[in-house]
Amino acid sequence: MKTLDVRCVRVYLTEHDKYQRLLARLHDVEKVRGVTVFRGISGFGKNGHIHSAQLIDTVLDLPIVIEFFDEPERVEAIIAHLRELVPPGHILSWAAQLEV
């Protein structure tokens, strides 16, 4: 089986951060190989504020994780572009192999 070196990226946001704008950019402008958006049921970040949903909540601000991968050179350029949309400390990336 053949493998291809890729770079995986996770972007940590909340629903309040208007993640749809980032998703649209990855799809329309960056044209990455694929994207998955995960909605967390609860979570907290550096400031310690817990984001979770209660039964009485009408406006949700749940954690969102956007994950994608592509060729390492493309990902480096994409991350540079995302820095204008994502706060520092919210992008995680690592090397991986894709079975093709």
PDB file of N, CA and C in Angstrom:
ATOM      1  N   MET A   1       0.840  -1.180   0.000  1.00  0.00           N
ATOM      2  CA  MET A   1       0.000   0.000   0.000  1.00  0.00           C
ATOM      3  C   MET A   1       0.891   1.252   0.000  1.00  0.00           C
ATOM      4  N   LYS A   2       0.516   2.217  -0.768  1.00  0.00           N
ATOM      5  CA  LYS A   2       1.284   3.451  -0.897  1.00  0.00           C
ATOM      6  C   LYS A   2       0.788   4.484   0.113  1.00  0.00           C
ATOM      7  N   THR A   3       1.718   5.294   0.634  1.00  0.00           N
ATOM      8  CA  THR A   3       1.326   6.359   1.559  1.00  0.00           C
ATOM      9  C   THR A   3       1.797   7.709   1.026  1.00  0.00           C
ATOM     10  N   LEU A   4       1.091   8.731   1.443  1.00  0.00           N
ATOM     11  CA  LEU A   4       1.406  10.105   1.062  1.00  0.00           C
ATOM     12  C   LEU A   4       1.587  10.914   2.338  1.00  0.00           C
ATOM     13  N   ASP A   5       2.672  11.666   2.439  1.00  0.00           N
ATOM     14  CA  ASP A   5       2.870  12.526   3.602  1.00  0.00           C
ATOM     15  C   ASP A   5       1.889  13.690   3.541  1.00  0.00           C
ATOM     16  N   VAL A   6       1.196  13.915   4.658  1.00  0.00           N
ATOM     17  CA  VAL A   6       0.248  15.018   4.769  1.00  0.00           C
ATOM     18  C   VAL A   6       0.454  15.713   6.106  1.00  0.00           C
ATOM     19  N   ARG A   7      -0.206  16.811   6.281  1.00  0.00           N
ATOM     20  CA  ARG A   7      -0.206  17.533   7.554  1.00  0.00           C
ATOM     21  C   ARG A   7      -1.660  17.692   7.974  1.00  0.00           C
ATOM     22  N   CYS A   8      -1.981  17.280   9.206  1.00  0.00           N
ATOM     23  CA  CYS A   8      -3.321  17.420   9.762  1.00  0.00           C
ATOM     24  C   CYS A   8      -3.386  18.696  10.590  1.00  0.00           C
ATOM     25  N   VAL A   9      -4.545  19.320  10.594  1.00  0.00           N
ATOM     26  CA  VAL A   9      -4.730  20.570  11.332  1.00  0.00           C
ATOM     27  C   VAL A   9      -6.043  20.498  12.097  1.00  0.00           C
ATOM     28  N   ARG A  10      -6.026  20.961  13.321  1.00  0.00           N
ATOM     29  CA  ARG A  10      -7.246  21.170  14.113  1.00  0.00           C
ATOM     30  C   ARG A  10      -7.284  22.624  14.526  1.00  0.00           C
ATOM     31  N   VAL A  11      -8.448  23.223  14.350  1.00  0.00           N
ATOM     32  CA  VAL A  11      -8.674  24.607  14.754  1.00  0.00           C
ATOM     33  C   VAL A  11      -9.757  24.575  15.829  1.00  0.00           C
ATOM     34  N   TYR A  12      -9.447  25.127  16.986  1.00  0.00           N
ATOM     35  CA  TYR A  12     -10.362  25.122  18.125  1.00  0.00           C
ATOM     36  C   TYR A  12     -11.051  26.472  18.242  1.00  0.00           C
ATOM     37  N   LEU A  13     -12.383  26.465  18.147  1.00  0.00           N
ATOM     38  CA  LEU A  13     -13.197  27.675  18.229  1.00  0.00           C
ATOM     39  C   LEU A  13     -14.433  27.379  19.056  1.00  0.00           C
ATOM     40  N   THR A  14     -15.341  28.328  19.100  1.00  0.00           N
ATOM     41  CA  THR A  14     -16.673  28.093  19.644  1.00  0.00           C
ATOM     42  C   THR A  14     -17.675  28.542  18.595  1.00  0.00           C
ATOM     43  N   GLU A  15     -18.924  28.167  18.790  1.00  0.00           N
ATOM     44  CA  GLU A  15     -19.960  28.589  17.840  1.00  0.00           C
ATOM     45  C   GLU A  15     -20.024  30.106  17.748  1.00  0.00           C
ATOM     46  N   HIS A  16     -19.744  30.771  18.839  1.00  0.00           N
ATOM     47  CA  HIS A  16     -19.765  32.240  18.876  1.00  0.00           C
ATOM     48  C   HIS A  16     -18.728  32.842  17.940  1.00  0.00           C
ATOM     49  N   ASP A  17     -17.646  32.099  17.660  1.00  0.00           N
ATOM     50  CA  ASP A  17     -16.556  32.596  16.818  1.00  0.00           C
ATOM     51  C   ASP A  17     -16.900  32.631  15.334  1.00  0.00           C
ATOM     52  N   LYS A  18     -18.128  32.285  14.983  1.00  0.00           N
ATOM     53  CA  LYS A  18     -18.565  32.314  13.581  1.00  0.00           C
ATOM     54  C   LYS A  18     -17.673  31.439  12.704  1.00  0.00           C
ATOM     55  N   TYR A  19     -17.591  30.172  13.091  1.00  0.00           N
ATOM     56  CA  TYR A  19     -16.732  29.222  12.394  1.00  0.00           C
ATOM     57  C   TYR A  19     -17.127  29.024  10.923  1.00  0.00           C
ATOM     58  N   GLN A  20     -18.358  29.373  10.546  1.00  0.00           N
ATOM     59  CA  GLN A  20     -18.787  29.192   9.154  1.00  0.00           C
ATOM     60  C   GLN A  20     -17.917  29.991   8.188  1.00  0.00           C
ATOM     61  N   ARG A  21     -17.447  31.145   8.611  1.00  0.00           N
ATOM     62  CA  ARG A  21     -16.568  31.965   7.770  1.00  0.00           C
ATOM     63  C   ARG A  21     -15.268  31.222   7.467  1.00  0.00           C
ATOM     64  N   LEU A  22     -14.712  30.582   8.488  1.00  0.00           N
ATOM     65  CA  LEU A  22     -13.491  29.799   8.319  1.00  0.00           C
ATOM     66  C   LEU A  22     -13.752  28.588   7.419  1.00  0.00           C
ATOM     67  N   LEU A  23     -14.863  27.920   7.633  1.00  0.00           N
ATOM     68  CA  LEU A  23     -15.216  26.762   6.826  1.00  0.00           C
ATOM     69  C   LEU A  23     -15.378  27.159   5.352  1.00  0.00           C
ATOM     70  N   ALA A  24     -16.032  28.284   5.109  1.00  0.00           N
ATOM     71  CA  ALA A  24     -16.205  28.764   3.738  1.00  0.00           C
ATOM     72  C   ALA A  24     -14.855  29.066   3.090  1.00  0.00           C
ATOM     73  N   ARG A  25     -13.946  29.649   3.850  1.00  0.00           N
ATOM     74  CA  ARG A  25     -12.618  29.954   3.296  1.00  0.00           C
ATOM     75  C   ARG A  25     -11.865  28.675   2.924  1.00  0.00           C
ATOM     76  N   LEU A  26     -11.918  27.670   3.807  1.00  0.00           N
ATOM     77  CA  LEU A  26     -11.242  26.407   3.526  1.00  0.00           C
ATOM     78  C   LEU A  26     -11.820  25.744   2.275  1.00  0.00           C
ATOM     79  N   HIS A  27     -13.114  25.876   2.073  1.00  0.00           N
ATOM     80  CA  HIS A  27     -13.776  25.268   0.921  1.00  0.00           C
ATOM     81  C   HIS A  27     -13.588  26.089  -0.353  1.00  0.00           C
ATOM     82  N   ASP A  28     -13.896  27.377  -0.293  1.00  0.00           N
ATOM     83  CA  ASP A  28     -13.953  28.207  -1.494  1.00  0.00           C
ATOM     84  C   ASP A  28     -12.602  28.755  -1.941  1.00  0.00           C
ATOM     85  N   VAL A  29     -11.775  29.141  -0.988  1.00  0.00           N
ATOM     86  CA  VAL A  29     -10.504  29.790  -1.322  1.00  0.00           C
ATOM     87  C   VAL A  29      -9.343  28.805  -1.272  1.00  0.00           C
ATOM     88  N   GLU A  30      -9.192  28.123  -0.155  1.00  0.00           N
ATOM     89  CA  GLU A  30      -8.039  27.236   0.038  1.00  0.00           C
ATOM     90  C   GLU A  30      -8.206  25.897  -0.673  1.00  0.00           C
ATOM     91  N   LYS A  31      -9.450  25.464  -0.862  1.00  0.00           N
ATOM     92  CA  LYS A  31      -9.763  24.215  -1.567  1.00  0.00           C
ATOM     93  C   LYS A  31      -8.989  23.016  -1.001  1.00  0.00           C
ATOM     94  N   VAL A  32      -9.081  22.850   0.332  1.00  0.00           N
ATOM     95  CA  VAL A  32      -8.400  21.726   0.971  1.00  0.00           C
ATOM     96  C   VAL A  32      -9.066  20.416   0.565  1.00  0.00           C
ATOM     97  N   ARG A  33      -8.379  19.313   0.811  1.00  0.00           N
ATOM     98  CA  ARG A  33      -8.849  17.985   0.389  1.00  0.00           C
ATOM     99  C   ARG A  33     -10.155  17.589   1.056  1.00  0.00           C
ATOM    100  N   GLY A  34     -10.366  18.026   2.278  1.00  0.00           N
ATOM    101  CA  GLY A  34     -11.578  17.682   3.007  1.00  0.00           C
ATOM    102  C   GLY A  34     -11.556  18.315   4.382  1.00  0.00           C
ATOM    103  N   VAL A  35     -12.724  18.566   4.916  1.00  0.00           N
ATOM    104  CA  VAL A  35     -12.858  19.213   6.221  1.00  0.00           C
ATOM    105  C   VAL A  35     -13.967  18.507   6.995  1.00  0.00           C
ATOM    106  N   THR A  36     -13.749  18.349   8.293  1.00  0.00           N
ATOM    107  CA  THR A  36     -14.796  17.865   9.186  1.00  0.00           C
ATOM    108  C   THR A  36     -14.926  18.859  10.328  1.00  0.00           C
ATOM    109  N   VAL A  37     -16.170  19.161  10.704  1.00  0.00           N
ATOM    110  CA  VAL A  37     -16.444  20.052  11.830  1.00  0.00           C
ATOM    111  C   VAL A  37     -17.083  19.213  12.929  1.00  0.00           C
ATOM    112  N   PHE A  38     -16.488  19.272  14.110  1.00  0.00           N
ATOM    113  CA  PHE A  38     -17.004  18.568  15.278  1.00  0.00           C
ATOM    114  C   PHE A  38     -17.584  19.583  16.244  1.00  0.00           C
ATOM    115  N   ARG A  39     -18.738  19.286  16.813  1.00  0.00           N
ATOM    116  CA  ARG A  39     -19.323  20.140  17.850  1.00  0.00           C
ATOM    117  C   ARG A  39     -19.183  19.397  19.176  1.00  0.00           C
ATOM    118  N   GLY A  40     -18.512  20.044  20.116  1.00  0.00           N
ATOM    119  CA  GLY A  40     -18.330  19.448  21.428  1.00  0.00           C
ATOM    120  C   GLY A  40     -19.546  19.680  22.306  1.00  0.00           C
ATOM    121  N   ILE A  41     -19.715  18.841  23.313  1.00  0.00           N
ATOM    122  CA  ILE A  41     -20.823  19.047  24.238  1.00  0.00           C
ATOM    123  C   ILE A  41     -20.410  19.925  25.411  1.00  0.00           C
ATOM    124  N   SER A  42     -19.105  20.034  25.614  1.00  0.00           N
ATOM    125  CA  SER A  42     -18.597  20.885  26.676  1.00  0.00           C
ATOM    126  C   SER A  42     -17.095  21.042  26.485  1.00  0.00           C
ATOM    127  N   GLY A  43     -16.539  22.148  27.002  1.00  0.00           N
ATOM    128  CA  GLY A  43     -15.110  22.351  26.926  1.00  0.00           C
ATOM    129  C   GLY A  43     -14.718  23.696  27.502  1.00  0.00           C
ATOM    130  N   PHE A  44     -13.420  23.877  27.717  1.00  0.00           N
ATOM    131  CA  PHE A  44     -12.916  25.165  28.183  1.00  0.00           C
ATOM    132  C   PHE A  44     -11.540  25.386  27.602  1.00  0.00           C
ATOM    133  N   GLY A  45     -11.154  26.633  27.558  1.00  0.00           N
ATOM    134  CA  GLY A  45      -9.855  26.999  27.007  1.00  0.00           C
ATOM    135  C   GLY A  45      -8.978  27.646  28.056  1.00  0.00           C
ATOM    136  N   LYS A  46      -8.021  28.423  27.572  1.00  0.00           N
ATOM    137  CA  LYS A  46      -7.007  29.052  28.408  1.00  0.00           C
ATOM    138  C   LYS A  46      -7.604  29.911  29.527  1.00  0.00           C
ATOM    139  N   ASN A  47      -8.713  30.613  29.222  1.00  0.00           N
ATOM    140  CA  ASN A  47      -9.303  31.503  30.229  1.00  0.00           C
ATOM    141  C   ASN A  47     -10.126  30.757  31.273  1.00  0.00           C
ATOM    142  N   GLY A  48     -10.368  29.454  31.061  1.00  0.00           N
ATOM    143  CA  GLY A  48     -11.083  28.657  32.046  1.00  0.00           C
ATOM    144  C   GLY A  48     -12.594  28.729  31.955  1.00  0.00           C
ATOM    145  N   HIS A  49     -13.128  29.563  31.064  1.00  0.00           N
ATOM    146  CA  HIS A  49     -14.584  29.661  30.904  1.00  0.00           C
ATOM    147  C   HIS A  49     -15.113  28.376  30.274  1.00  0.00           C
ATOM    148  N   ILE A  50     -16.080  27.725  30.936  1.00  0.00           N
ATOM    149  CA  ILE A  50     -16.636  26.472  30.435  1.00  0.00           C
ATOM    150  C   ILE A  50     -17.747  26.774  29.443  1.00  0.00           C
ATOM    151  N   HIS A  51     -17.619  26.213  28.248  1.00  0.00           N
ATOM    152  CA  HIS A  51     -18.644  26.327  27.211  1.00  0.00           C
ATOM    153  C   HIS A  51     -19.422  25.022  27.219  1.00  0.00           C
ATOM    154  N   SER A  52     -20.714  25.099  27.543  1.00  0.00           N
ATOM    155  CA  SER A  52     -21.563  23.911  27.536  1.00  0.00           C
ATOM    156  C   SER A  52     -23.004  24.352  27.340  1.00  0.00           C
ATOM    157  N   ALA A  53     -23.862  23.394  27.113  1.00  0.00           N
ATOM    158  CA  ALA A  53     -25.276  23.691  26.882  1.00  0.00           C
ATOM    159  C   ALA A  53     -26.107  23.161  28.046  1.00  0.00           C
ATOM    160  N   GLN A  54     -27.055  23.942  28.447  1.00  0.00           N
ATOM    161  CA  GLN A  54     -28.030  23.530  29.448  1.00  0.00           C
ATOM    162  C   GLN A  54     -29.387  23.417  28.750  1.00  0.00           C
ATOM    163  N   LEU A  55     -30.319  22.757  29.348  1.00  0.00           N
ATOM    164  CA  LEU A  55     -31.637  22.593  28.732  1.00  0.00           C
ATOM    165  C   LEU A  55     -32.333  23.921  28.463  1.00  0.00           C
ATOM    166  N   ILE A  56     -32.058  24.947  29.281  1.00  0.00           N
ATOM    167  CA  ILE A  56     -32.755  26.217  29.115  1.00  0.00           C
ATOM    168  C   ILE A  56     -32.045  27.185  28.178  1.00  0.00           C
ATOM    169  N   ASP A  57     -30.861  26.813  27.688  1.00  0.00           N
ATOM    170  CA  ASP A  57     -30.111  27.691  26.788  1.00  0.00           C
ATOM    171  C   ASP A  57     -30.837  27.840  25.459  1.00  0.00           C
ATOM    172  N   THR A  58     -30.971  29.076  25.013  1.00  0.00           N
ATOM    173  CA  THR A  58     -31.563  29.327  23.699  1.00  0.00           C
ATOM    174  C   THR A  58     -30.486  29.705  22.689  1.00  0.00           C
ATOM    175  N   VAL A  59     -29.362  30.210  23.161  1.00  0.00           N
ATOM    176  CA  VAL A  59     -28.241  30.549  22.301  1.00  0.00           C
ATOM    177  C   VAL A  59     -27.060  29.674  22.720  1.00  0.00           C
ATOM    178  N   LEU A  60     -26.585  28.857  21.792  1.00  0.00           N
ATOM    179  CA  LEU A  60     -25.494  27.945  22.119  1.00  0.00           C
ATOM    180  C   LEU A  60     -24.151  28.569  21.783  1.00  0.00           C
ATOM    181  N   ASP A  61     -23.168  28.274  22.587  1.00  0.00           N
ATOM    182  CA  ASP A  61     -21.789  28.690  22.340  1.00  0.00           C
ATOM    183  C   ASP A  61     -20.894  27.493  22.637  1.00  0.00           C
ATOM    184  N   LEU A  62     -21.177  26.383  21.962  1.00  0.00           N
ATOM    185  CA  LEU A  62     -20.458  25.143  22.214  1.00  0.00           C
ATOM    186  C   LEU A  62     -19.094  25.141  21.523  1.00  0.00           C
ATOM    187  N   PRO A  63     -18.177  24.299  22.020  1.00  0.00           N
ATOM    188  CA  PRO A  63     -16.877  24.171  21.368  1.00  0.00           C
ATOM    189  C   PRO A  63     -17.030  23.597  19.965  1.00  0.00           C
ATOM    190  N   ILE A  64     -16.232  24.093  19.046  1.00  0.00           N
ATOM    191  CA  ILE A  64     -16.195  23.614  17.662  1.00  0.00           C
ATOM    192  C   ILE A  64     -14.746  23.271  17.328  1.00  0.00           C
ATOM    193  N   VAL A  65     -14.533  22.115  16.703  1.00  0.00           N
ATOM    194  CA  VAL A  65     -13.215  21.727  16.216  1.00  0.00           C
ATOM    195  C   VAL A  65     -13.338  21.542  14.708  1.00  0.00           C
ATOM    196  N   ILE A  66     -12.531  22.265  13.959  1.00  0.00           N
ATOM    197  CA  ILE A  66     -12.475  22.109  12.513  1.00  0.00           C
ATOM    198  C   ILE A  66     -11.186  21.363  12.201  1.00  0.00           C
ATOM    199  N   GLU A  67     -11.320  20.228  11.519  1.00  0.00           N
ATOM    200  CA  GLU A  67     -10.158  19.400  11.218  1.00  0.00           C
ATOM    201  C   GLU A  67     -10.033  19.219   9.713  1.00  0.00           C
ATOM    202  N   PHE A  68      -8.809  19.351   9.210  1.00  0.00           N
ATOM    203  CA  PHE A  68      -8.556  19.118   7.793  1.00  0.00           C
ATOM    204  C   PHE A  68      -7.124  18.652   7.601  1.00  0.00           C
ATOM    205  N   PHE A  69      -6.837  18.174   6.385  1.00  0.00           N
ATOM    206  CA  PHE A  69      -5.466  17.778   6.056  1.00  0.00           C
ATOM    207  C   PHE A  69      -5.210  18.079   4.592  1.00  0.00           C
ATOM    208  N   ASP A  70      -3.942  18.196   4.275  1.00  0.00           N
ATOM    209  CA  ASP A  70      -3.513  18.392   2.891  1.00  0.00           C
ATOM    210  C   ASP A  70      -2.004  18.197   2.846  1.00  0.00           C
ATOM    211  N   GLU A  71      -1.412  18.445   1.698  1.00  0.00           N
ATOM    212  CA  GLU A  71       0.032  18.331   1.555  1.00  0.00           C
ATOM    213  C   GLU A  71       0.712  19.344   2.472  1.00  0.00           C
ATOM    214  N   PRO A  72       1.850  18.968   3.086  1.00  0.00           N
ATOM    215  CA  PRO A  72       2.495  19.831   4.082  1.00  0.00           C
ATOM    216  C   PRO A  72       2.745  21.267   3.619  1.00  0.00           C
ATOM    217  N   GLU A  73       3.199  21.455   2.379  1.00  0.00           N
ATOM    218  CA  GLU A  73       3.490  22.810   1.890  1.00  0.00           C
ATOM    219  C   GLU A  73       2.212  23.646   1.799  1.00  0.00           C
ATOM    220  N   ARG A  74       1.140  23.022   1.334  1.00  0.00           N
ATOM    221  CA  ARG A  74      -0.140  23.731   1.229  1.00  0.00           C
ATOM    222  C   ARG A  74      -0.660  24.110   2.614  1.00  0.00           C
ATOM    223  N   VAL A  75      -0.519  23.186   3.565  1.00  0.00           N
ATOM    224  CA  VAL A  75      -1.033  23.450   4.916  1.00  0.00           C
ATOM    225  C   VAL A  75      -0.296  24.621   5.549  1.00  0.00           C
ATOM    226  N   GLU A  76       1.011  24.709   5.362  1.00  0.00           N
ATOM    227  CA  GLU A  76       1.762  25.832   5.929  1.00  0.00           C
ATOM    228  C   GLU A  76       1.231  27.161   5.399  1.00  0.00           C
ATOM    229  N   ALA A  77       0.954  27.225   4.094  1.00  0.00           N
ATOM    230  CA  ALA A  77       0.406  28.450   3.503  1.00  0.00           C
ATOM    231  C   ALA A  77      -0.999  28.719   4.015  1.00  0.00           C
ATOM    232  N   ILE A  78      -1.809  27.678   4.159  1.00  0.00           N
ATOM    233  CA  ILE A  78      -3.183  27.835   4.647  1.00  0.00           C
ATOM    234  C   ILE A  78      -3.175  28.359   6.076  1.00  0.00           C
ATOM    235  N   ILE A  79      -2.311  27.786   6.919  1.00  0.00           N
ATOM    236  CA  ILE A  79      -2.237  28.244   8.311  1.00  0.00           C
ATOM    237  C   ILE A  79      -1.850  29.717   8.359  1.00  0.00           C
ATOM    238  N   ALA A  80      -0.935  30.133   7.519  1.00  0.00           N
ATOM    239  CA  ALA A  80      -0.553  31.559   7.473  1.00  0.00           C
ATOM    240  C   ALA A  80      -1.768  32.431   7.152  1.00  0.00           C
ATOM    241  N   HIS A  81      -2.630  31.973   6.253  1.00  0.00           N
ATOM    242  CA  HIS A  81      -3.842  32.731   5.910  1.00  0.00           C
ATOM    243  C   HIS A  81      -4.870  32.706   7.047  1.00  0.00           C
ATOM    244  N   LEU A  82      -4.942  31.581   7.770  1.00  0.00           N
ATOM    245  CA  LEU A  82      -5.939  31.444   8.836  1.00  0.00           C
ATOM    246  C   LEU A  82      -5.618  32.298  10.061  1.00  0.00           C
ATOM    247  N   ARG A  83      -4.377  32.687  10.204  1.00  0.00           N
ATOM    248  CA  ARG A  83      -3.992  33.472  11.388  1.00  0.00           C
ATOM    249  C   ARG A  83      -4.763  34.786  11.489  1.00  0.00           C
ATOM    250  N   GLU A  84      -5.266  35.287  10.365  1.00  0.00           N
ATOM    251  CA  GLU A  84      -6.053  36.517  10.414  1.00  0.00           C
ATOM    252  C   GLU A  84      -7.486  36.257  10.878  1.00  0.00           C
ATOM    253  N   LEU A  85      -7.910  34.993  10.899  1.00  0.00           N
ATOM    254  CA  LEU A  85      -9.266  34.640  11.311  1.00  0.00           C
ATOM    255  C   LEU A  85      -9.332  33.937  12.661  1.00  0.00           C
ATOM    256  N   VAL A  86      -8.196  33.378  13.110  1.00  0.00           N
ATOM    257  CA  VAL A  86      -8.185  32.535  14.304  1.00  0.00           C
ATOM    258  C   VAL A  86      -7.244  33.129  15.347  1.00  0.00           C
ATOM    259  N   PRO A  87      -7.693  33.218  16.613  1.00  0.00           N
ATOM    260  CA  PRO A  87      -6.814  33.752  17.665  1.00  0.00           C
ATOM    261  C   PRO A  87      -5.574  32.876  17.872  1.00  0.00           C
ATOM    262  N   PRO A  88      -4.476  33.464  18.341  1.00  0.00           N
ATOM    263  CA  PRO A  88      -3.268  32.675  18.627  1.00  0.00           C
ATOM    264  C   PRO A  88      -3.571  31.552  19.617  1.00  0.00           C
ATOM    265  N   GLY A  89      -2.900  30.433  19.441  1.00  0.00           N
ATOM    266  CA  GLY A  89      -3.060  29.311  20.360  1.00  0.00           C
ATOM    267  C   GLY A  89      -4.257  28.424  20.064  1.00  0.00           C
ATOM    268  N   HIS A  90      -4.905  28.607  18.907  1.00  0.00           N
ATOM    269  CA  HIS A  90      -6.101  27.829  18.584  1.00  0.00           C
ATOM    270  C   HIS A  90      -5.911  26.922  17.371  1.00  0.00           C
ATOM    271  N   ILE A  91      -4.692  26.842  16.845  1.00  0.00           N
ATOM    272  CA  ILE A  91      -4.409  25.985  15.691  1.00  0.00           C
ATOM    273  C   ILE A  91      -3.356  24.963  16.097  1.00  0.00           C
ATOM    274  N   LEU A  92      -3.679  23.702  15.901  1.00  0.00           N
ATOM    275  CA  LEU A  92      -2.773  22.598  16.221  1.00  0.00           C
ATOM    276  C   LEU A  92      -2.546  21.806  14.933  1.00  0.00           C
ATOM    277  N   SER A  93      -1.291  21.445  14.642  1.00  0.00           N
ATOM    278  CA  SER A  93      -1.026  20.654  13.439  1.00  0.00           C
ATOM    279  C   SER A  93       0.046  19.612  13.715  1.00  0.00           C
ATOM    280  N   TRP A  94       0.017  18.547  12.918  1.00  0.00           N
ATOM    281  CA  TRP A  94       0.976  17.475  13.058  1.00  0.00           C
ATOM    282  C   TRP A  94       1.116  16.717  11.741  1.00  0.00           C
ATOM    283  N   ALA A  95       2.264  16.050  11.578  1.00  0.00           N
ATOM    284  CA  ALA A  95       2.530  15.255  10.381  1.00  0.00           C
ATOM    285  C   ALA A  95       1.788  13.932  10.466  1.00  0.00           C
ATOM    286  N   ALA A  96       1.331  13.444   9.297  1.00  0.00           N
ATOM    287  CA  ALA A  96       0.626  12.159   9.236  1.00  0.00           C
ATOM    288  C   ALA A  96       0.873  11.541   7.867  1.00  0.00           C
ATOM    289  N   GLN A  97       0.439  10.291   7.709  1.00  0.00           N
ATOM    290  CA  GLN A  97       0.535   9.608   6.434  1.00  0.00           C
ATOM    291  C   GLN A  97      -0.871   9.193   6.011  1.00  0.00           C
ATOM    292  N   LEU A  98      -1.170   9.435   4.751  1.00  0.00           N
ATOM    293  CA  LEU A  98      -2.446   9.065   4.156  1.00  0.00           C
ATOM    294  C   LEU A  98      -2.234   7.834   3.304  1.00  0.00           C
ATOM    295  N   GLU A  99      -3.015   6.806   3.511  1.00  0.00           N
ATOM    296  CA  GLU A  99      -2.929   5.601   2.679  1.00  0.00           C
ATOM    297  C   GLU A  99      -3.716   5.854   1.401  1.00  0.00           C
ATOM    298  N   VAL A 100      -3.019   5.710   0.270  1.00  0.00           N
ATOM    299  CA  VAL A 100      -3.672   5.950  -1.029  1.00  0.00           C
ATOM    300  C   VAL A 100      -3.632   4.720  -1.894  1.00  0.00           C
TER     301      VAL A 100
END
